[in-house]
mmCIF file of all heavy atoms, coordinates in Angstrom:
data_MODEL
# 
_entry.id   MODEL 
# 
loop_
_atom_site.group_PDB 
_atom_site.id 
_atom_site.type_symbol 
_atom_site.label_atom_id 
_atom_site.label_alt_id 
_atom_site.label_comp_id 
_atom_site.label_asym_id 
_atom_site.label_entity_id 
_atom_site.label_seq_id 
_atom_site.pdbx_PDB_ins_code 
_atom_site.Cartn_x 
_atom_site.Cartn_y 
_atom_site.Cartn_z 
_atom_site.occupancy 
_atom_site.B_iso_or_equiv 
_atom_site.pdbx_formal_charge 
_atom_site.auth_seq_id 
_atom_site.auth_comp_id 
_atom_site.auth_asym_id 
_atom_site.auth_atom_id 
_atom_site.pdbx_PDB_model_num 
ATOM 1   N N   . MET A 1 1  ? -89.740  92.473  -77.484 1.00 0.00 ? 1  MET A N   1 
ATOM 2   C CA  . MET A 1 1  ? -90.664  91.842  -76.651 1.00 0.00 ? 1  MET A CA  1 
ATOM 3   C C   . MET A 1 1  ? -89.978  91.511  -75.200 1.00 0.00 ? 1  MET A C   1 
ATOM 4   O O   . MET A 1 1  ? -90.587  91.793  -74.235 1.00 0.00 ? 1  MET A O   1 
ATOM 5   C CB  . MET A 1 1  ? -91.206  90.552  -77.268 1.00 0.00 ? 1  MET A CB  1 
ATOM 6   C CG  . MET A 1 1  ? -92.235  89.857  -76.297 1.00 0.00 ? 1  MET A CG  1 
ATOM 7   S SD  . MET A 1 1  ? -93.678  90.990  -76.267 1.00 0.00 ? 1  MET A SD  1 
ATOM 8   C CE  . MET A 1 1  ? -94.877  89.984  -75.593 1.00 0.00 ? 1  MET A CE  1 
ATOM 9   N N   . ARG A 1 2  ? -88.793  91.049  -75.181 1.00 0.00 ? 2  ARG A N   1 
ATOM 10  C CA  . ARG A 1 2  ? -88.164  90.748  -73.849 1.00 0.00 ? 2  ARG A CA  1 
ATOM 11  C C   . ARG A 1 2  ? -88.052  91.983  -73.156 1.00 0.00 ? 2  ARG A C   1 
ATOM 12  O O   . ARG A 1 2  ? -88.071  91.926  -71.877 1.00 0.00 ? 2  ARG A O   1 
ATOM 13  C CB  . ARG A 1 2  ? -86.864  90.003  -74.309 1.00 0.00 ? 2  ARG A CB  1 
ATOM 14  C CG  . ARG A 1 2  ? -85.988  89.622  -73.098 1.00 0.00 ? 2  ARG A CG  1 
ATOM 15  C CD  . ARG A 1 2  ? -86.518  88.274  -72.531 1.00 0.00 ? 2  ARG A CD  1 
ATOM 16  N NE  . ARG A 1 2  ? -85.667  87.819  -71.536 1.00 0.00 ? 2  ARG A NE  1 
ATOM 17  C CZ  . ARG A 1 2  ? -86.074  87.229  -70.342 1.00 0.00 ? 2  ARG A CZ  1 
ATOM 18  N NH1 . ARG A 1 2  ? -87.354  87.060  -70.231 1.00 0.00 ? 2  ARG A NH1 1 
ATOM 19  N NH2 . ARG A 1 2  ? -85.323  86.859  -69.527 1.00 0.00 ? 2  ARG A NH2 1 
ATOM 20  N N   . LYS A 1 3  ? -87.527  93.055  -73.716 1.00 0.00 ? 3  LYS A N   1 
ATOM 21  C CA  . LYS A 1 3  ? -87.276  94.327  -73.026 1.00 0.00 ? 3  LYS A CA  1 
ATOM 22  C C   . LYS A 1 3  ? -88.697  94.804  -72.335 1.00 0.00 ? 3  LYS A C   1 
ATOM 23  O O   . LYS A 1 3  ? -88.620  95.294  -71.211 1.00 0.00 ? 3  LYS A O   1 
ATOM 24  C CB  . LYS A 1 3  ? -86.890  95.457  -73.994 1.00 0.00 ? 3  LYS A CB  1 
ATOM 25  C CG  . LYS A 1 3  ? -85.465  95.190  -74.358 1.00 0.00 ? 3  LYS A CG  1 
ATOM 26  C CD  . LYS A 1 3  ? -84.920  96.287  -75.286 1.00 0.00 ? 3  LYS A CD  1 
ATOM 27  C CE  . LYS A 1 3  ? -83.592  95.959  -75.652 1.00 0.00 ? 3  LYS A CE  1 
ATOM 28  N NZ  . LYS A 1 3  ? -83.049  97.027  -76.701 1.00 0.00 ? 3  LYS A NZ  1 
ATOM 29  N N   . ILE A 1 4  ? -89.797  94.666  -72.968 1.00 0.00 ? 4  ILE A N   1 
ATOM 30  C CA  . ILE A 1 4  ? -91.030  95.020  -72.439 1.00 0.00 ? 4  ILE A CA  1 
ATOM 31  C C   . ILE A 1 4  ? -91.389  94.275  -71.211 1.00 0.00 ? 4  ILE A C   1 
ATOM 32  O O   . ILE A 1 4  ? -91.857  94.732  -70.270 1.00 0.00 ? 4  ILE A O   1 
ATOM 33  C CB  . ILE A 1 4  ? -92.124  94.950  -73.606 1.00 0.00 ? 4  ILE A CB  1 
ATOM 34  C CG1 . ILE A 1 4  ? -91.958  96.011  -74.665 1.00 0.00 ? 4  ILE A CG1 1 
ATOM 35  C CG2 . ILE A 1 4  ? -93.537  95.143  -72.877 1.00 0.00 ? 4  ILE A CG2 1 
ATOM 36  C CD1 . ILE A 1 4  ? -92.937  95.840  -75.783 1.00 0.00 ? 4  ILE A CD1 1 
ATOM 37  N N   . GLN A 1 5  ? -91.084  92.940  -71.326 1.00 0.00 ? 5  GLN A N   1 
ATOM 38  C CA  . GLN A 1 5  ? -91.428  92.078  -70.154 1.00 0.00 ? 5  GLN A CA  1 
ATOM 39  C C   . GLN A 1 5  ? -90.469  92.429  -68.941 1.00 0.00 ? 5  GLN A C   1 
ATOM 40  O O   . GLN A 1 5  ? -91.025  92.433  -67.862 1.00 0.00 ? 5  GLN A O   1 
ATOM 41  C CB  . GLN A 1 5  ? -91.055  90.637  -70.469 1.00 0.00 ? 5  GLN A CB  1 
ATOM 42  C CG  . GLN A 1 5  ? -92.112  89.914  -71.546 1.00 0.00 ? 5  GLN A CG  1 
ATOM 43  C CD  . GLN A 1 5  ? -91.715  88.596  -71.877 1.00 0.00 ? 5  GLN A CD  1 
ATOM 44  O OE1 . GLN A 1 5  ? -90.511  88.254  -72.103 1.00 0.00 ? 5  GLN A OE1 1 
ATOM 45  N NE2 . GLN A 1 5  ? -92.632  87.788  -72.293 1.00 0.00 ? 5  GLN A NE2 1 
ATOM 46  N N   . ILE A 1 6  ? -89.298  92.840  -69.248 1.00 0.00 ? 6  ILE A N   1 
ATOM 47  C CA  . ILE A 1 6  ? -88.351  93.129  -68.168 1.00 0.00 ? 6  ILE A CA  1 
ATOM 48  C C   . ILE A 1 6  ? -88.826  94.517  -67.460 1.00 0.00 ? 6  ILE A C   1 
ATOM 49  O O   . ILE A 1 6  ? -88.891  94.582  -66.314 1.00 0.00 ? 6  ILE A O   1 
ATOM 50  C CB  . ILE A 1 6  ? -86.942  93.346  -68.611 1.00 0.00 ? 6  ILE A CB  1 
ATOM 51  C CG1 . ILE A 1 6  ? -86.408  91.877  -68.988 1.00 0.00 ? 6  ILE A CG1 1 
ATOM 52  C CG2 . ILE A 1 6  ? -85.971  94.017  -67.586 1.00 0.00 ? 6  ILE A CG2 1 
ATOM 53  C CD1 . ILE A 1 6  ? -85.000  91.924  -69.541 1.00 0.00 ? 6  ILE A CD1 1 
ATOM 54  N N   . VAL A 1 7  ? -89.295  95.478  -68.274 1.00 0.00 ? 7  VAL A N   1 
ATOM 55  C CA  . VAL A 1 7  ? -89.773  96.707  -67.848 1.00 0.00 ? 7  VAL A CA  1 
ATOM 56  C C   . VAL A 1 7  ? -91.071  96.529  -66.968 1.00 0.00 ? 7  VAL A C   1 
ATOM 57  O O   . VAL A 1 7  ? -91.226  97.073  -65.947 1.00 0.00 ? 7  VAL A O   1 
ATOM 58  C CB  . VAL A 1 7  ? -90.101  97.766  -69.011 1.00 0.00 ? 7  VAL A CB  1 
ATOM 59  C CG1 . VAL A 1 7  ? -90.803  98.943  -68.534 1.00 0.00 ? 7  VAL A CG1 1 
ATOM 60  C CG2 . VAL A 1 7  ? -88.735  98.152  -69.662 1.00 0.00 ? 7  VAL A CG2 1 
ATOM 61  N N   . LEU A 1 8  ? -91.976  95.699  -67.507 1.00 0.00 ? 8  LEU A N   1 
ATOM 62  C CA  . LEU A 1 8  ? -93.159  95.391  -66.688 1.00 0.00 ? 8  LEU A CA  1 
ATOM 63  C C   . LEU A 1 8  ? -92.849  94.750  -65.436 1.00 0.00 ? 8  LEU A C   1 
ATOM 64  O O   . LEU A 1 8  ? -93.418  95.100  -64.469 1.00 0.00 ? 8  LEU A O   1 
ATOM 65  C CB  . LEU A 1 8  ? -94.038  94.563  -67.624 1.00 0.00 ? 8  LEU A CB  1 
ATOM 66  C CG  . LEU A 1 8  ? -94.843  95.296  -68.687 1.00 0.00 ? 8  LEU A CG  1 
ATOM 67  C CD1 . LEU A 1 8  ? -95.650  94.231  -69.523 1.00 0.00 ? 8  LEU A CD1 1 
ATOM 68  C CD2 . LEU A 1 8  ? -95.762  96.389  -68.175 1.00 0.00 ? 8  LEU A CD2 1 
ATOM 69  N N   . LEU A 1 9  ? -91.897  93.761  -65.378 1.00 0.00 ? 9  LEU A N   1 
ATOM 70  C CA  . LEU A 1 9  ? -91.593  93.154  -64.255 1.00 0.00 ? 9  LEU A CA  1 
ATOM 71  C C   . LEU A 1 9  ? -90.924  94.167  -63.189 1.00 0.00 ? 9  LEU A C   1 
ATOM 72  O O   . LEU A 1 9  ? -91.302  94.100  -62.018 1.00 0.00 ? 9  LEU A O   1 
ATOM 73  C CB  . LEU A 1 9  ? -90.469  92.028  -64.530 1.00 0.00 ? 9  LEU A CB  1 
ATOM 74  C CG  . LEU A 1 9  ? -89.946  91.198  -63.337 1.00 0.00 ? 9  LEU A CG  1 
ATOM 75  C CD1 . LEU A 1 9  ? -91.177  90.497  -62.654 1.00 0.00 ? 9  LEU A CD1 1 
ATOM 76  C CD2 . LEU A 1 9  ? -88.820  90.331  -63.687 1.00 0.00 ? 9  LEU A CD2 1 
ATOM 77  N N   . LEU A 1 10 ? -90.189  95.091  -63.631 1.00 0.00 ? 10 LEU A N   1 
ATOM 78  C CA  . LEU A 1 10 ? -89.575  96.074  -62.801 1.00 0.00 ? 10 LEU A CA  1 
ATOM 79  C C   . LEU A 1 10 ? -90.642  97.022  -62.255 1.00 0.00 ? 10 LEU A C   1 
ATOM 80  O O   . LEU A 1 10 ? -90.696  97.248  -60.965 1.00 0.00 ? 10 LEU A O   1 
ATOM 81  C CB  . LEU A 1 10 ? -88.585  96.867  -63.546 1.00 0.00 ? 10 LEU A CB  1 
ATOM 82  C CG  . LEU A 1 10 ? -87.285  96.186  -63.822 1.00 0.00 ? 10 LEU A CG  1 
ATOM 83  C CD1 . LEU A 1 10 ? -86.399  97.078  -64.728 1.00 0.00 ? 10 LEU A CD1 1 
ATOM 84  C CD2 . LEU A 1 10 ? -86.488  95.801  -62.490 1.00 0.00 ? 10 LEU A CD2 1 
ATOM 85  N N   . ILE A 1 11 ? -91.665  97.379  -63.025 1.00 0.00 ? 11 ILE A N   1 
ATOM 86  C CA  . ILE A 1 11 ? -92.718  98.151  -62.487 1.00 0.00 ? 11 ILE A CA  1 
ATOM 87  C C   . ILE A 1 11 ? -93.560  97.431  -61.491 1.00 0.00 ? 11 ILE A C   1 
ATOM 88  O O   . ILE A 1 11 ? -93.923  97.950  -60.492 1.00 0.00 ? 11 ILE A O   1 
ATOM 89  C CB  . ILE A 1 11 ? -93.579  98.763  -63.701 1.00 0.00 ? 11 ILE A CB  1 
ATOM 90  C CG1 . ILE A 1 11 ? -92.800  99.642  -64.640 1.00 0.00 ? 11 ILE A CG1 1 
ATOM 91  C CG2 . ILE A 1 11 ? -94.819  99.341  -63.182 1.00 0.00 ? 11 ILE A CG2 1 
ATOM 92  C CD1 . ILE A 1 11 ? -93.420  100.002 -65.855 1.00 0.00 ? 11 ILE A CD1 1 
ATOM 93  N N   . VAL A 1 12 ? -93.912  96.233  -61.853 1.00 0.00 ? 12 VAL A N   1 
ATOM 94  C CA  . VAL A 1 12 ? -94.771  95.517  -60.870 1.00 0.00 ? 12 VAL A CA  1 
ATOM 95  C C   . VAL A 1 12 ? -93.981  95.234  -59.551 1.00 0.00 ? 12 VAL A C   1 
ATOM 96  O O   . VAL A 1 12 ? -94.545  95.359  -58.459 1.00 0.00 ? 12 VAL A O   1 
ATOM 97  C CB  . VAL A 1 12 ? -95.162  94.109  -61.483 1.00 0.00 ? 12 VAL A CB  1 
ATOM 98  C CG1 . VAL A 1 12 ? -95.837  93.154  -60.456 1.00 0.00 ? 12 VAL A CG1 1 
ATOM 99  C CG2 . VAL A 1 12 ? -96.235  94.388  -62.656 1.00 0.00 ? 12 VAL A CG2 1 
ATOM 100 N N   . SER A 1 13 ? -92.817  94.829  -59.665 1.00 0.00 ? 13 SER A N   1 
ATOM 101 C CA  . SER A 1 13 ? -91.978  94.552  -58.354 1.00 0.00 ? 13 SER A CA  1 
ATOM 102 C C   . SER A 1 13 ? -91.794  95.823  -57.551 1.00 0.00 ? 13 SER A C   1 
ATOM 103 O O   . SER A 1 13 ? -91.805  95.783  -56.386 1.00 0.00 ? 13 SER A O   1 
ATOM 104 C CB  . SER A 1 13 ? -90.684  94.130  -58.741 1.00 0.00 ? 13 SER A CB  1 
ATOM 105 O OG  . SER A 1 13 ? -89.774  94.952  -59.391 1.00 0.00 ? 13 SER A OG  1 
ATOM 106 N N   . GLN A 1 14 ? -91.689  97.057  -58.163 1.00 0.00 ? 14 GLN A N   1 
ATOM 107 C CA  . GLN A 1 14 ? -91.618  98.309  -57.529 1.00 0.00 ? 14 GLN A CA  1 
ATOM 108 C C   . GLN A 1 14 ? -92.881  98.580  -56.762 1.00 0.00 ? 14 GLN A C   1 
ATOM 109 O O   . GLN A 1 14 ? -92.935  99.033  -55.655 1.00 0.00 ? 14 GLN A O   1 
ATOM 110 C CB  . GLN A 1 14 ? -91.258  99.378  -58.567 1.00 0.00 ? 14 GLN A CB  1 
ATOM 111 C CG  . GLN A 1 14 ? -90.794  100.646 -57.793 1.00 0.00 ? 14 GLN A CG  1 
ATOM 112 C CD  . GLN A 1 14 ? -89.492  100.527 -57.079 1.00 0.00 ? 14 GLN A CD  1 
ATOM 113 O OE1 . GLN A 1 14 ? -88.729  99.622  -57.255 1.00 0.00 ? 14 GLN A OE1 1 
ATOM 114 N NE2 . GLN A 1 14 ? -89.220  101.510 -56.260 1.00 0.00 ? 14 GLN A NE2 1 
ATOM 115 N N   . ILE A 1 15 ? -93.999  98.417  -57.319 1.00 0.00 ? 15 ILE A N   1 
ATOM 116 C CA  . ILE A 1 15 ? -95.306  98.591  -56.834 1.00 0.00 ? 15 ILE A CA  1 
ATOM 117 C C   . ILE A 1 15 ? -95.466  97.507  -55.609 1.00 0.00 ? 15 ILE A C   1 
ATOM 118 O O   . ILE A 1 15 ? -95.906  97.907  -54.539 1.00 0.00 ? 15 ILE A O   1 
ATOM 119 C CB  . ILE A 1 15 ? -96.488  98.386  -57.810 1.00 0.00 ? 15 ILE A CB  1 
ATOM 120 C CG1 . ILE A 1 15 ? -96.336  99.417  -58.772 1.00 0.00 ? 15 ILE A CG1 1 
ATOM 121 C CG2 . ILE A 1 15 ? -97.814  98.349  -57.101 1.00 0.00 ? 15 ILE A CG2 1 
ATOM 122 C CD1 . ILE A 1 15 ? -97.214  99.339  -60.012 1.00 0.00 ? 15 ILE A CD1 1 
ATOM 123 N N   . MET A 1 16 ? -95.024  96.370  -55.795 1.00 0.00 ? 16 MET A N   1 
ATOM 124 C CA  . MET A 1 16 ? -95.391  95.231  -54.797 1.00 0.00 ? 16 MET A CA  1 
ATOM 125 C C   . MET A 1 16 ? -94.426  95.461  -53.481 1.00 0.00 ? 16 MET A C   1 
ATOM 126 O O   . MET A 1 16 ? -94.765  95.173  -52.415 1.00 0.00 ? 16 MET A O   1 
ATOM 127 C CB  . MET A 1 16 ? -95.228  93.851  -55.366 1.00 0.00 ? 16 MET A CB  1 
ATOM 128 C CG  . MET A 1 16 ? -96.323  93.531  -56.299 1.00 0.00 ? 16 MET A CG  1 
ATOM 129 S SD  . MET A 1 16 ? -95.983  91.995  -57.037 1.00 0.00 ? 16 MET A SD  1 
ATOM 130 C CE  . MET A 1 16 ? -95.802  90.781  -55.698 1.00 0.00 ? 16 MET A CE  1 
ATOM 131 N N   . PHE A 1 17 ? -93.210  95.880  -53.759 1.00 0.00 ? 17 PHE A N   1 
ATOM 132 C CA  . PHE A 1 17 ? -92.267  95.997  -52.721 1.00 0.00 ? 17 PHE A CA  1 
ATOM 133 C C   . PHE A 1 17 ? -91.837  97.376  -52.275 1.00 0.00 ? 17 PHE A C   1 
ATOM 134 O O   . PHE A 1 17 ? -90.738  97.524  -51.513 1.00 0.00 ? 17 PHE A O   1 
ATOM 135 C CB  . PHE A 1 17 ? -91.062  95.082  -53.065 1.00 0.00 ? 17 PHE A CB  1 
ATOM 136 C CG  . PHE A 1 17 ? -91.387  93.629  -53.425 1.00 0.00 ? 17 PHE A CG  1 
ATOM 137 C CD1 . PHE A 1 17 ? -91.403  93.225  -54.674 1.00 0.00 ? 17 PHE A CD1 1 
ATOM 138 C CD2 . PHE A 1 17 ? -91.790  92.864  -52.387 1.00 0.00 ? 17 PHE A CD2 1 
ATOM 139 C CE1 . PHE A 1 17 ? -91.787  91.963  -54.909 1.00 0.00 ? 17 PHE A CE1 1 
ATOM 140 C CE2 . PHE A 1 17 ? -92.114  91.461  -52.645 1.00 0.00 ? 17 PHE A CE2 1 
ATOM 141 C CZ  . PHE A 1 17 ? -92.089  91.073  -54.019 1.00 0.00 ? 17 PHE A CZ  1 
ATOM 142 N N   . SER A 1 18 ? -92.656  98.321  -52.622 1.00 0.00 ? 18 SER A N   1 
ATOM 143 C CA  . SER A 1 18 ? -92.351  99.665  -52.170 1.00 0.00 ? 18 SER A CA  1 
ATOM 144 C C   . SER A 1 18 ? -92.869  99.962  -50.806 1.00 0.00 ? 18 SER A C   1 
ATOM 145 O O   . SER A 1 18 ? -93.688  99.286  -50.281 1.00 0.00 ? 18 SER A O   1 
ATOM 146 C CB  . SER A 1 18 ? -92.696  100.681 -53.208 1.00 0.00 ? 18 SER A CB  1 
ATOM 147 O OG  . SER A 1 18 ? -94.022  100.663 -53.378 1.00 0.00 ? 18 SER A OG  1 
ATOM 148 N N   . GLN A 1 19 ? -92.470  101.221 -50.377 1.00 0.00 ? 19 GLN A N   1 
ATOM 149 C CA  . GLN A 1 19 ? -92.980  101.594 -49.058 1.00 0.00 ? 19 GLN A CA  1 
ATOM 150 C C   . GLN A 1 19 ? -94.443  101.781 -49.172 1.00 0.00 ? 19 GLN A C   1 
ATOM 151 O O   . GLN A 1 19 ? -94.986  102.190 -50.170 1.00 0.00 ? 19 GLN A O   1 
ATOM 152 C CB  . GLN A 1 19 ? -92.300  102.914 -48.614 1.00 0.00 ? 19 GLN A CB  1 
ATOM 153 C CG  . GLN A 1 19 ? -92.537  104.042 -49.510 1.00 0.00 ? 19 GLN A CG  1 
ATOM 154 C CD  . GLN A 1 19 ? -91.956  105.326 -48.953 1.00 0.00 ? 19 GLN A CD  1 
ATOM 155 O OE1 . GLN A 1 19 ? -91.265  105.353 -48.089 1.00 0.00 ? 19 GLN A OE1 1 
ATOM 156 N NE2 . GLN A 1 19 ? -92.043  106.379 -49.821 1.00 0.00 ? 19 GLN A NE2 1 
ATOM 157 N N   . VAL A 1 20 ? -95.125  101.718 -48.093 1.00 0.00 ? 20 VAL A N   1 
ATOM 158 C CA  . VAL A 1 20 ? -96.612  102.073 -47.995 1.00 0.00 ? 20 VAL A CA  1 
ATOM 159 C C   . VAL A 1 20 ? -96.843  103.575 -48.051 1.00 0.00 ? 20 VAL A C   1 
ATOM 160 O O   . VAL A 1 20 ? -95.846  104.374 -47.504 1.00 0.00 ? 20 VAL A O   1 
ATOM 161 C CB  . VAL A 1 20 ? -97.271  101.360 -46.843 1.00 0.00 ? 20 VAL A CB  1 
ATOM 162 C CG1 . VAL A 1 20 ? -97.145  99.873  -46.940 1.00 0.00 ? 20 VAL A CG1 1 
ATOM 163 C CG2 . VAL A 1 20 ? -96.789  101.776 -45.460 1.00 0.00 ? 20 VAL A CG2 1 
ATOM 164 N N   . LYS A 1 21 ? -97.901  103.969 -48.374 1.00 0.00 ? 21 LYS A N   1 
ATOM 165 C CA  . LYS A 1 21 ? -98.343  105.407 -48.332 1.00 0.00 ? 21 LYS A CA  1 
ATOM 166 C C   . LYS A 1 21 ? -98.607  105.853 -46.802 1.00 0.00 ? 21 LYS A C   1 
ATOM 167 O O   . LYS A 1 21 ? -98.953  105.040 -46.078 1.00 0.00 ? 21 LYS A O   1 
ATOM 168 C CB  . LYS A 1 21 ? -99.512  105.780 -49.158 1.00 0.00 ? 21 LYS A CB  1 
ATOM 169 C CG  . LYS A 1 21 ? -99.235  105.496 -50.675 1.00 0.00 ? 21 LYS A CG  1 
ATOM 170 C CD  . LYS A 1 21 ? -100.527 105.833 -51.463 1.00 0.00 ? 21 LYS A CD  1 
ATOM 171 C CE  . LYS A 1 21 ? -100.177 105.437 -52.994 1.00 0.00 ? 21 LYS A CE  1 
ATOM 172 N NZ  . LYS A 1 21 ? -101.351 105.619 -53.783 1.00 0.00 ? 21 LYS A NZ  1 
ATOM 173 N N   . ASN A 1 22 ? -98.446  107.175 -46.565 1.00 0.00 ? 22 ASN A N   1 
ATOM 174 C CA  . ASN A 1 22 ? -98.602  107.529 -45.148 1.00 0.00 ? 22 ASN A CA  1 
ATOM 175 C C   . ASN A 1 22 ? -100.058 107.536 -44.930 1.00 0.00 ? 22 ASN A C   1 
ATOM 176 O O   . ASN A 1 22 ? -100.611 107.820 -43.613 1.00 0.00 ? 22 ASN A O   1 
ATOM 177 C CB  . ASN A 1 22 ? -97.997  108.907 -44.925 1.00 0.00 ? 22 ASN A CB  1 
ATOM 178 C CG  . ASN A 1 22 ? -98.598  110.028 -45.734 1.00 0.00 ? 22 ASN A CG  1 
ATOM 179 O OD1 . ASN A 1 22 ? -99.527  109.776 -46.508 1.00 0.00 ? 22 ASN A OD1 1 
ATOM 180 N ND2 . ASN A 1 22 ? -97.972  111.203 -45.676 1.00 0.00 ? 22 ASN A ND2 1 
ATOM 181 N N   . THR A 1 23 ? -101.028 107.268 -45.741 1.00 0.00 ? 23 THR A N   1 
ATOM 182 C CA  . THR A 1 23 ? -102.444 107.107 -45.482 1.00 0.00 ? 23 THR A CA  1 
ATOM 183 C C   . THR A 1 23 ? -102.789 105.569 -45.143 1.00 0.00 ? 23 THR A C   1 
ATOM 184 O O   . THR A 1 23 ? -103.972 105.279 -44.749 1.00 0.00 ? 23 THR A O   1 
ATOM 185 C CB  . THR A 1 23 ? -103.344 107.614 -46.657 1.00 0.00 ? 23 THR A CB  1 
ATOM 186 O OG1 . THR A 1 23 ? -102.832 106.962 -47.824 1.00 0.00 ? 23 THR A OG1 1 
ATOM 187 C CG2 . THR A 1 23 ? -103.238 109.104 -46.691 1.00 0.00 ? 23 THR A CG2 1 
ATOM 188 N N   . ASP A 1 24 ? -101.847 104.780 -45.391 1.00 0.00 ? 24 ASP A N   1 
ATOM 189 C CA  . ASP A 1 24 ? -102.115 103.272 -45.325 1.00 0.00 ? 24 ASP A CA  1 
ATOM 190 C C   . ASP A 1 24 ? -102.298 102.871 -43.816 1.00 0.00 ? 24 ASP A C   1 
ATOM 191 O O   . ASP A 1 24 ? -101.445 103.497 -42.977 1.00 0.00 ? 24 ASP A O   1 
ATOM 192 C CB  . ASP A 1 24 ? -100.863 102.478 -45.960 1.00 0.00 ? 24 ASP A CB  1 
ATOM 193 C CG  . ASP A 1 24 ? -101.117 100.986 -46.119 1.00 0.00 ? 24 ASP A CG  1 
ATOM 194 O OD1 . ASP A 1 24 ? -100.802 100.296 -45.028 1.00 0.00 ? 24 ASP A OD1 1 
ATOM 195 O OD2 . ASP A 1 24 ? -101.682 100.626 -47.132 1.00 0.00 ? 24 ASP A OD2 1 
ATOM 196 N N   . GLU A 1 25 ? -102.965 101.846 -43.586 1.00 0.00 ? 25 GLU A N   1 
ATOM 197 C CA  . GLU A 1 25 ? -103.238 101.405 -42.192 1.00 0.00 ? 25 GLU A CA  1 
ATOM 198 C C   . GLU A 1 25 ? -101.858 100.964 -41.455 1.00 0.00 ? 25 GLU A C   1 
ATOM 199 O O   . GLU A 1 25 ? -101.586 101.256 -40.406 1.00 0.00 ? 25 GLU A O   1 
ATOM 200 C CB  . GLU A 1 25 ? -104.197 100.220 -42.093 1.00 0.00 ? 25 GLU A CB  1 
ATOM 201 C CG  . GLU A 1 25 ? -105.000 100.190 -40.915 1.00 0.00 ? 25 GLU A CG  1 
ATOM 202 C CD  . GLU A 1 25 ? -105.717 101.572 -40.480 1.00 0.00 ? 25 GLU A CD  1 
ATOM 203 O OE1 . GLU A 1 25 ? -106.222 102.303 -41.223 1.00 0.00 ? 25 GLU A OE1 1 
ATOM 204 O OE2 . GLU A 1 25 ? -105.505 101.884 -39.275 1.00 0.00 ? 25 GLU A OE2 1 
ATOM 205 N N   . LEU A 1 26 ? -100.942 100.334 -42.290 1.00 0.00 ? 26 LEU A N   1 
ATOM 206 C CA  . LEU A 1 26 ? -99.800  99.864  -41.721 1.00 0.00 ? 26 LEU A CA  1 
ATOM 207 C C   . LEU A 1 26 ? -98.855  101.120 -41.299 1.00 0.00 ? 26 LEU A C   1 
ATOM 208 O O   . LEU A 1 26 ? -98.214  101.059 -40.282 1.00 0.00 ? 26 LEU A O   1 
ATOM 209 C CB  . LEU A 1 26 ? -99.041  98.942  -42.700 1.00 0.00 ? 26 LEU A CB  1 
ATOM 210 C CG  . LEU A 1 26 ? -97.727  98.335  -42.278 1.00 0.00 ? 26 LEU A CG  1 
ATOM 211 C CD1 . LEU A 1 26 ? -98.004  97.493  -40.949 1.00 0.00 ? 26 LEU A CD1 1 
ATOM 212 C CD2 . LEU A 1 26 ? -96.991  97.528  -43.336 1.00 0.00 ? 26 LEU A CD2 1 
ATOM 213 N N   . TYR A 1 27 ? -98.909  102.058 -42.020 1.00 0.00 ? 27 TYR A N   1 
ATOM 214 C CA  . TYR A 1 27 ? -98.092  103.321 -41.681 1.00 0.00 ? 27 TYR A CA  1 
ATOM 215 C C   . TYR A 1 27 ? -98.621  103.878 -40.482 1.00 0.00 ? 27 TYR A C   1 
ATOM 216 O O   . TYR A 1 27 ? -97.829  104.294 -39.617 1.00 0.00 ? 27 TYR A O   1 
ATOM 217 C CB  . TYR A 1 27 ? -98.224  104.325 -42.883 1.00 0.00 ? 27 TYR A CB  1 
ATOM 218 C CG  . TYR A 1 27 ? -97.389  105.558 -42.728 1.00 0.00 ? 27 TYR A CG  1 
ATOM 219 C CD1 . TYR A 1 27 ? -96.045  105.513 -43.207 1.00 0.00 ? 27 TYR A CD1 1 
ATOM 220 C CD2 . TYR A 1 27 ? -97.788  106.753 -42.032 1.00 0.00 ? 27 TYR A CD2 1 
ATOM 221 C CE1 . TYR A 1 27 ? -95.294  106.625 -43.214 1.00 0.00 ? 27 TYR A CE1 1 
ATOM 222 C CE2 . TYR A 1 27 ? -96.918  107.810 -41.942 1.00 0.00 ? 27 TYR A CE2 1 
ATOM 223 C CZ  . TYR A 1 27 ? -95.666  107.733 -42.450 1.00 0.00 ? 27 TYR A CZ  1 
ATOM 224 O OH  . TYR A 1 27 ? -94.858  108.843 -42.287 1.00 0.00 ? 27 TYR A OH  1 
ATOM 225 N N   . LYS A 1 28 ? -100.006 103.990 -40.361 1.00 0.00 ? 28 LYS A N   1 
ATOM 226 C CA  . LYS A 1 28 ? -100.568 104.537 -39.118 1.00 0.00 ? 28 LYS A CA  1 
ATOM 227 C C   . LYS A 1 28 ? -100.274 103.647 -37.914 1.00 0.00 ? 28 LYS A C   1 
ATOM 228 O O   . LYS A 1 28 ? -99.938  104.176 -36.810 1.00 0.00 ? 28 LYS A O   1 
ATOM 229 C CB  . LYS A 1 28 ? -102.131 104.687 -39.194 1.00 0.00 ? 28 LYS A CB  1 
ATOM 230 C CG  . LYS A 1 28 ? -102.544 105.600 -40.229 1.00 0.00 ? 28 LYS A CG  1 
ATOM 231 C CD  . LYS A 1 28 ? -104.067 105.614 -40.576 1.00 0.00 ? 28 LYS A CD  1 
ATOM 232 C CE  . LYS A 1 28 ? -104.414 106.567 -41.593 1.00 0.00 ? 28 LYS A CE  1 
ATOM 233 N NZ  . LYS A 1 28 ? -105.895 106.314 -41.835 1.00 0.00 ? 28 LYS A NZ  1 
# 
């Protein structure tokens, strides 16, 4: 269970703190 929580945390943090897409308003 602990491993699943860590993996989910890593996935969520990657989504939240990754670069924006080149179609995003901030990129433009």
